[in-house]
Amino acid sequence: MATVKGFFRDAWLELQRVIWPTQENVVKLTGFVVAVVVVVGLFMFLWSSVLSVFTRHLF
């Protein structure tokens, strides 16, 4: 039981040393990630559409 208690104590001490991002940073980075996902998704959709047009004639 002492090892479990020591684990949680050490985990709590480690969490207190973390430099947490501000809400502004979280919002900006989340927006960036969403934008990148949308752009990559559109690229993959367009590339898939172009390739399907060319491969339709092969099969």
PDB file of N, CA and C in Angstrom:
ATOM      1  N   MET A   1       0.823  -1.198   0.000  1.00  0.00           N
ATOM      2  CA  MET A   1       0.000   0.000   0.000  1.00  0.00           C
ATOM      3  C   MET A   1       0.864   1.258   0.000  1.00  0.00           C
ATOM      4  N   ALA A   2       2.054   1.160   0.578  1.00  0.00           N
ATOM      5  CA  ALA A   2       2.934   2.331   0.623  1.00  0.00           C
ATOM      6  C   ALA A   2       3.431   2.688  -0.767  1.00  0.00           C
ATOM      7  N   THR A   3       3.622   1.690  -1.635  1.00  0.00           N
ATOM      8  CA  THR A   3       4.105   1.991  -2.984  1.00  0.00           C
ATOM      9  C   THR A   3       3.036   2.693  -3.802  1.00  0.00           C
ATOM     10  N   VAL A   4       1.779   2.309  -3.592  1.00  0.00           N
ATOM     11  CA  VAL A   4       0.684   2.974  -4.301  1.00  0.00           C
ATOM     12  C   VAL A   4       0.573   4.425  -3.839  1.00  0.00           C
ATOM     13  N   LYS A   5       0.660   4.631  -2.545  1.00  0.00           N
ATOM     14  CA  LYS A   5       0.595   5.991  -1.999  1.00  0.00           C
ATOM     15  C   LYS A   5       1.768   6.823  -2.505  1.00  0.00           C
ATOM     16  N   GLY A   6       2.955   6.227  -2.544  1.00  0.00           N
ATOM     17  CA  GLY A   6       4.134   6.924  -3.051  1.00  0.00           C
ATOM     18  C   GLY A   6       4.008   7.264  -4.520  1.00  0.00           C
ATOM     19  N   PHE A   7       3.395   6.351  -5.296  1.00  0.00           N
ATOM     20  CA  PHE A   7       3.190   6.619  -6.719  1.00  0.00           C
ATOM     21  C   PHE A   7       2.311   7.842  -6.921  1.00  0.00           C
ATOM     22  N   PHE A   8       1.178   7.895  -6.217  1.00  0.00           N
ATOM     23  CA  PHE A   8       0.271   9.030  -6.379  1.00  0.00           C
ATOM     24  C   PHE A   8       0.887  10.323  -5.861  1.00  0.00           C
ATOM     25  N   ARG A   9       1.672  10.257  -4.806  1.00  0.00           N
ATOM     26  CA  ARG A   9       2.357  11.445  -4.303  1.00  0.00           C
ATOM     27  C   ARG A   9       3.349  11.957  -5.351  1.00  0.00           C
ATOM     28  N   ASP A  10       4.141  11.050  -5.918  1.00  0.00           N
ATOM     29  CA  ASP A  10       5.108  11.451  -6.940  1.00  0.00           C
ATOM     30  C   ASP A  10       4.420  11.979  -8.191  1.00  0.00           C
ATOM     31  N   ALA A  11       3.313  11.342  -8.567  1.00  0.00           N
ATOM     32  CA  ALA A  11       2.567  11.811  -9.744  1.00  0.00           C
ATOM     33  C   ALA A  11       2.037  13.219  -9.506  1.00  0.00           C
ATOM     34  N   TRP A  12       1.525  13.485  -8.290  1.00  0.00           N
ATOM     35  CA  TRP A  12       1.004  14.815  -7.970  1.00  0.00           C
ATOM     36  C   TRP A  12       2.129  15.861  -7.988  1.00  0.00           C
ATOM     37  N   LEU A  13       3.278  15.521  -7.457  1.00  0.00           N
ATOM     38  CA  LEU A  13       4.405  16.452  -7.468  1.00  0.00           C
ATOM     39  C   LEU A  13       4.859  16.741  -8.897  1.00  0.00           C
ATOM     40  N   GLU A  14       4.837  15.724  -9.740  1.00  0.00           N
ATOM     41  CA  GLU A  14       5.233  15.914 -11.135  1.00  0.00           C
ATOM     42  C   GLU A  14       4.227  16.793 -11.875  1.00  0.00           C
ATOM     43  N   LEU A  15       2.945  16.612 -11.600  1.00  0.00           N
ATOM     44  CA  LEU A  15       1.919  17.439 -12.240  1.00  0.00           C
ATOM     45  C   LEU A  15       2.036  18.900 -11.831  1.00  0.00           C
ATOM     46  N   GLN A  16       2.523  19.162 -10.632  1.00  0.00           N
ATOM     47  CA  GLN A  16       2.683  20.546 -10.189  1.00  0.00           C
ATOM     48  C   GLN A  16       3.842  21.235 -10.904  1.00  0.00           C
ATOM     49  N   ARG A  17       4.770  20.480 -11.462  1.00  0.00           N
ATOM     50  CA  ARG A  17       5.909  21.062 -12.182  1.00  0.00           C
ATOM     51  C   ARG A  17       5.607  21.342 -13.656  1.00  0.00           C
ATOM     52  N   VAL A  18       4.492  20.824 -14.135  1.00  0.00           N
ATOM     53  CA  VAL A  18       4.145  20.985 -15.547  1.00  0.00           C
ATOM     54  C   VAL A  18       3.792  22.442 -15.824  1.00  0.00           C
ATOM     55  N   ILE A  19       4.261  22.947 -16.953  1.00  0.00           N
ATOM     56  CA  ILE A  19       3.873  24.289 -17.393  1.00  0.00           C
ATOM     57  C   ILE A  19       2.698  24.114 -18.347  1.00  0.00           C
ATOM     58  N   TRP A  20       1.507  24.422 -17.859  1.00  0.00           N
ATOM     59  CA  TRP A  20       0.298  24.195 -18.631  1.00  0.00           C
ATOM     60  C   TRP A  20       0.094  25.333 -19.630  1.00  0.00           C
ATOM     61  N   PRO A  21      -0.421  25.037 -20.830  1.00  0.00           N
ATOM     62  CA  PRO A  21      -0.671  26.094 -21.813  1.00  0.00           C
ATOM     63  C   PRO A  21      -1.858  26.957 -21.393  1.00  0.00           C
ATOM     64  N   THR A  22      -1.847  28.177 -21.884  1.00  0.00           N
ATOM     65  CA  THR A  22      -2.967  29.070 -21.593  1.00  0.00           C
ATOM     66  C   THR A  22      -4.162  28.682 -22.466  1.00  0.00           C
ATOM     67  N   GLN A  23      -5.317  29.174 -22.096  1.00  0.00           N
ATOM     68  CA  GLN A  23      -6.519  28.869 -22.871  1.00  0.00           C
ATOM     69  C   GLN A  23      -6.399  29.437 -24.286  1.00  0.00           C
ATOM     70  N   GLU A  24      -5.762  30.579 -24.418  1.00  0.00           N
ATOM     71  CA  GLU A  24      -5.573  31.186 -25.734  1.00  0.00           C
ATOM     72  C   GLU A  24      -4.720  30.286 -26.625  1.00  0.00           C
ATOM     73  N   ASN A  25      -3.653  29.722 -26.074  1.00  0.00           N
ATOM     74  CA  ASN A  25      -2.806  28.811 -26.849  1.00  0.00           C
ATOM     75  C   ASN A  25      -3.565  27.557 -27.247  1.00  0.00           C
ATOM     76  N   VAL A  26      -4.358  27.030 -26.334  1.00  0.00           N
ATOM     77  CA  VAL A  26      -5.127  25.817 -26.625  1.00  0.00           C
ATOM     78  C   VAL A  26      -6.113  26.075 -27.761  1.00  0.00           C
ATOM     79  N   VAL A  27      -6.789  27.208 -27.723  1.00  0.00           N
ATOM     80  CA  VAL A  27      -7.772  27.531 -28.756  1.00  0.00           C
ATOM     81  C   VAL A  27      -7.080  27.718 -30.105  1.00  0.00           C
ATOM     82  N   LYS A  28      -5.962  28.439 -30.128  1.00  0.00           N
ATOM     83  CA  LYS A  28      -5.235  28.665 -31.379  1.00  0.00           C
ATOM     84  C   LYS A  28      -4.728  27.355 -31.976  1.00  0.00           C
ATOM     85  N   LEU A  29      -4.115  26.526 -31.151  1.00  0.00           N
ATOM     86  CA  LEU A  29      -3.565  25.275 -31.653  1.00  0.00           C
ATOM     87  C   LEU A  29      -4.660  24.302 -32.073  1.00  0.00           C
ATOM     88  N   THR A  30      -5.788  24.310 -31.376  1.00  0.00           N
ATOM     89  CA  THR A  30      -6.907  23.463 -31.782  1.00  0.00           C
ATOM     90  C   THR A  30      -7.447  23.908 -33.138  1.00  0.00           C
ATOM     91  N   GLY A  31      -7.564  25.208 -33.341  1.00  0.00           N
ATOM     92  CA  GLY A  31      -8.000  25.727 -34.643  1.00  0.00           C
ATOM     93  C   GLY A  31      -7.032  25.346 -35.745  1.00  0.00           C
ATOM     94  N   PHE A  32      -5.743  25.410 -35.445  1.00  0.00           N
ATOM     95  CA  PHE A  32      -4.730  25.033 -36.430  1.00  0.00           C
ATOM     96  C   PHE A  32      -4.844  23.557 -36.798  1.00  0.00           C
ATOM     97  N   VAL A  33      -5.018  22.716 -35.802  1.00  0.00           N
ATOM     98  CA  VAL A  33      -5.132  21.278 -36.049  1.00  0.00           C
ATOM     99  C   VAL A  33      -6.376  20.976 -36.881  1.00  0.00           C
ATOM    100  N   VAL A  34      -7.491  21.604 -36.562  1.00  0.00           N
ATOM    101  CA  VAL A  34      -8.721  21.392 -37.328  1.00  0.00           C
ATOM    102  C   VAL A  34      -8.525  21.849 -38.771  1.00  0.00           C
ATOM    103  N   ALA A  35      -7.885  22.988 -38.981  1.00  0.00           N
ATOM    104  CA  ALA A  35      -7.647  23.490 -40.334  1.00  0.00           C
ATOM    105  C   ALA A  35      -6.750  22.542 -41.119  1.00  0.00           C
ATOM    106  N   VAL A  36      -5.705  22.028 -40.506  1.00  0.00           N
ATOM    107  CA  VAL A  36      -4.805  21.092 -41.193  1.00  0.00           C
ATOM    108  C   VAL A  36      -5.551  19.808 -41.551  1.00  0.00           C
ATOM    109  N   VAL A  37      -6.372  19.314 -40.659  1.00  0.00           N
ATOM    110  CA  VAL A  37      -7.146  18.098 -40.937  1.00  0.00           C
ATOM    111  C   VAL A  37      -8.097  18.326 -42.115  1.00  0.00           C
ATOM    112  N   VAL A  38      -8.745  19.480 -42.159  1.00  0.00           N
ATOM    113  CA  VAL A  38      -9.662  19.786 -43.266  1.00  0.00           C
ATOM    114  C   VAL A  38      -8.901  19.876 -44.579  1.00  0.00           C
ATOM    115  N   VAL A  39      -7.756  20.562 -44.584  1.00  0.00           N
ATOM    116  CA  VAL A  39      -6.969  20.717 -45.808  1.00  0.00           C
ATOM    117  C   VAL A  39      -6.470  19.359 -46.297  1.00  0.00           C
ATOM    118  N   VAL A  40      -5.935  18.550 -45.416  1.00  0.00           N
ATOM    119  CA  VAL A  40      -5.441  17.230 -45.807  1.00  0.00           C
ATOM    120  C   VAL A  40      -6.596  16.350 -46.283  1.00  0.00           C
ATOM    121  N   GLY A  41      -7.744  16.429 -45.621  1.00  0.00           N
ATOM    122  CA  GLY A  41      -8.919  15.670 -46.046  1.00  0.00           C
ATOM    123  C   GLY A  41      -9.385  16.066 -47.433  1.00  0.00           C
ATOM    124  N   LEU A  42      -9.417  17.363 -47.711  1.00  0.00           N
ATOM    125  CA  LEU A  42      -9.798  17.822 -49.051  1.00  0.00           C
ATOM    126  C   LEU A  42      -8.780  17.374 -50.094  1.00  0.00           C
ATOM    127  N   PHE A  43      -7.506  17.453 -49.769  1.00  0.00           N
ATOM    128  CA  PHE A  43      -6.467  16.996 -50.699  1.00  0.00           C
ATOM    129  C   PHE A  43      -6.640  15.517 -51.005  1.00  0.00           C
ATOM    130  N   MET A  44      -6.853  14.718 -49.990  1.00  0.00           N
ATOM    131  CA  MET A  44      -7.018  13.276 -50.200  1.00  0.00           C
ATOM    132  C   MET A  44      -8.272  12.972 -51.007  1.00  0.00           C
ATOM    133  N   PHE A  45      -9.352  13.696 -50.757  1.00  0.00           N
ATOM    134  CA  PHE A  45     -10.578  13.504 -51.519  1.00  0.00           C
ATOM    135  C   PHE A  45     -10.360  13.847 -52.996  1.00  0.00           C
ATOM    136  N   LEU A  46      -9.729  14.988 -53.251  1.00  0.00           N
ATOM    137  CA  LEU A  46      -9.491  15.384 -54.642  1.00  0.00           C
ATOM    138  C   LEU A  46      -8.544  14.417 -55.337  1.00  0.00           C
ATOM    139  N   TRP A  47      -7.479  14.010 -54.669  1.00  0.00           N
ATOM    140  CA  TRP A  47      -6.523  13.079 -55.254  1.00  0.00           C
ATOM    141  C   TRP A  47      -7.198  11.735 -55.536  1.00  0.00           C
ATOM    142  N   SER A  48      -8.033  11.266 -54.631  1.00  0.00           N
ATOM    143  CA  SER A  48      -8.760  10.020 -54.820  1.00  0.00           C
ATOM    144  C   SER A  48      -9.718  10.135 -56.002  1.00  0.00           C
ATOM    145  N   SER A  49     -10.372  11.273 -56.140  1.00  0.00           N
ATOM    146  CA  SER A  49     -11.293  11.477 -57.257  1.00  0.00           C
ATOM    147  C   SER A  49     -10.550  11.462 -58.591  1.00  0.00           C
ATOM    148  N   VAL A  50      -9.409  12.136 -58.636  1.00  0.00           N
ATOM    149  CA  VAL A  50      -8.613  12.174 -59.869  1.00  0.00           C
ATOM    150  C   VAL A  50      -8.122  10.768 -60.218  1.00  0.00           C
ATOM    151  N   LEU A  51      -7.611  10.039 -59.241  1.00  0.00           N
ATOM    152  CA  LEU A  51      -7.116   8.695 -59.512  1.00  0.00           C
ATOM    153  C   LEU A  51      -8.234   7.746 -59.917  1.00  0.00           C
ATOM    154  N   SER A  52      -9.419   7.917 -59.352  1.00  0.00           N
ATOM    155  CA  SER A  52     -10.522   7.031 -59.723  1.00  0.00           C
ATOM    156  C   SER A  52     -10.957   7.271 -61.163  1.00  0.00           C
ATOM    157  N   VAL A  53     -10.863   8.511 -61.653  1.00  0.00           N
ATOM    158  CA  VAL A  53     -11.194   8.789 -63.051  1.00  0.00           C
ATOM    159  C   VAL A  53     -10.223   8.071 -63.976  1.00  0.00           C
ATOM    160  N   PHE A  54      -8.940   8.099 -63.647  1.00  0.00           N
ATOM    161  CA  PHE A  54      -7.940   7.447 -64.494  1.00  0.00           C
ATOM    162  C   PHE A  54      -7.999   5.926 -64.394  1.00  0.00           C
ATOM    163  N   THR A  55      -8.239   5.400 -63.235  1.00  0.00           N
ATOM    164  CA  THR A  55      -8.237   3.945 -63.077  1.00  0.00           C
ATOM    165  C   THR A  55      -9.550   3.314 -63.510  1.00  0.00           C
ATOM    166  N   ARG A  56     -10.597   4.077 -63.636  1.00  0.00           N
ATOM    167  CA  ARG A  56     -11.879   3.534 -64.089  1.00  0.00           C
ATOM    168  C   ARG A  56     -11.727   2.948 -65.503  1.00  0.00           C
ATOM    169  N   HIS A  57     -10.907   3.567 -66.324  1.00  0.00           N
ATOM    170  CA  HIS A  57     -10.712   3.090 -67.687  1.00  0.00           C
ATOM    171  C   HIS A  57      -9.879   1.813 -67.716  1.00  0.00           C
ATOM    172  N   LEU A  58      -9.053   1.601 -66.726  1.00  0.00           N
ATOM    173  CA  LEU A  58      -8.227   0.406 -66.685  1.00  0.00           C
ATOM    174  C   LEU A  58      -9.018  -0.830 -66.290  1.00  0.00           C
ATOM    175  N   PHE A  59      -9.999  -0.651 -65.440  1.00  0.00           N
ATOM    176  CA  PHE A  59     -10.750  -1.798 -64.941  1.00  0.00           C
ATOM    177  C   PHE A  59     -12.124  -1.775 -65.544  1.00  0.00           C
TER     178      PHE A  59
END
